[in-house]
Protein backbone atom coordinates (compact mmCIF):
# COMPACT_ATOMS: atom_id res chain seq x y z
CA MET A 1 31.84 86.56 -80.68
CA SER A 2 28.94 87.39 -82.93
CA ILE A 3 25.77 85.32 -83.02
CA LEU A 4 26.68 84.09 -86.51
CA ALA A 5 30.14 82.99 -85.35
CA ALA A 6 28.59 81.17 -82.38
CA GLU A 7 26.14 79.38 -84.68
CA ILE A 8 28.96 78.32 -87.00
CA ALA A 9 31.00 77.03 -84.07
CA VAL A 10 28.07 74.96 -82.84
CA GLU A 11 27.36 73.57 -86.30
CA THR A 12 30.98 72.49 -86.85
CA ALA A 13 31.22 70.70 -83.50
CA THR A 14 30.29 67.04 -83.42
CA GLU A 15 27.36 66.02 -81.26
CA THR A 16 29.57 63.82 -79.08
CA GLU A 17 31.66 66.78 -77.94
CA MET A 18 30.67 67.95 -74.49
CA LEU A 19 31.99 68.29 -71.00
CA SER A 20 31.03 65.32 -68.87
CA VAL A 21 31.75 64.97 -65.15
CA GLU A 22 31.00 61.50 -63.81
CA ASN A 23 30.80 60.64 -60.11
CA VAL A 24 33.72 62.92 -59.15
CA SER A 25 35.00 63.11 -55.58
CA LEU A 26 37.73 65.45 -54.37
CA TYR A 27 39.48 65.82 -51.03
CA TYR A 28 41.66 68.53 -49.53
CA GLY A 29 43.56 66.43 -47.01
CA ALA A 30 40.91 64.73 -44.86
CA ALA A 31 38.17 67.22 -45.84
CA GLN A 32 35.88 66.07 -48.63
CA ALA A 33 35.04 68.95 -50.98
CA LEU A 34 33.09 67.01 -53.64
CA ARG A 35 31.20 63.73 -53.31
CA GLY A 36 29.82 61.92 -56.35
CA VAL A 37 29.31 65.00 -58.53
CA SER A 38 28.01 64.33 -62.06
CA LEU A 39 26.99 66.75 -64.80
CA GLN A 40 26.95 67.17 -68.56
CA ALA A 41 27.40 70.41 -70.49
CA PRO A 42 26.35 69.71 -74.10
CA VAL A 43 27.72 71.66 -77.05
CA GLY A 44 25.46 74.51 -78.08
CA GLU A 45 23.77 74.85 -74.72
CA VAL A 46 24.44 77.21 -71.86
CA SER A 47 25.26 75.49 -68.57
CA ALA A 48 25.75 77.01 -65.14
CA VAL A 49 27.03 75.82 -61.78
CA MET A 50 25.16 77.57 -58.98
CA GLY A 51 25.01 77.12 -55.24
CA ARG A 52 25.51 78.71 -51.86
CA ASN A 53 28.89 79.55 -50.37
CA GLY A 54 30.96 76.50 -49.53
CA THR A 55 29.07 74.02 -51.72
CA GLY A 56 32.02 73.11 -53.96
CA LYS A 57 31.65 75.32 -57.06
CA THR A 58 35.29 76.42 -57.04
CA SER A 59 36.48 72.92 -56.16
CA LEU A 60 34.54 71.57 -59.15
CA MET A 61 36.14 74.13 -61.47
CA ARG A 62 39.57 73.27 -60.05
CA ALA A 63 38.91 69.58 -60.69
CA ILE A 64 37.74 70.24 -64.27
CA THR A 65 40.79 72.38 -65.06
CA GLY A 66 43.20 69.94 -63.42
CA ARG A 67 44.28 72.30 -60.65
CA ALA A 68 43.01 69.88 -57.98
CA PRO A 69 43.40 66.10 -58.39
CA ILE A 70 40.21 64.07 -58.09
CA SER A 71 40.13 61.00 -55.87
CA SER A 72 37.48 59.15 -57.89
CA GLY A 73 35.31 59.49 -60.98
CA ARG A 74 36.29 60.92 -64.33
CA ILE A 75 36.08 64.10 -66.37
CA LEU A 76 35.70 63.94 -70.15
CA LEU A 77 35.90 66.61 -72.83
CA GLY A 78 34.32 64.92 -75.82
CA SER A 79 35.90 61.48 -75.74
CA SER A 80 39.17 62.67 -74.16
CA ASP A 81 39.71 61.88 -70.49
CA LEU A 82 40.95 64.96 -68.66
């Protein structure tokens, strides 16, 4: 994607559109992988999830994409509940 295309995409998106993770917890059986995770990734900004091995980065991505069911909290894309 060119810089111009990226700028156009950002300009056409509404300001309310963003990824929002609110107080998400996730378990694999009895093992808790995520506890109370919250973050926002606003449109037009670069966001990153970083951490050491075993801190829940992959579990968070699985929760966001729906590959792992969350036990509490919510995940929003814009105003749509994922």
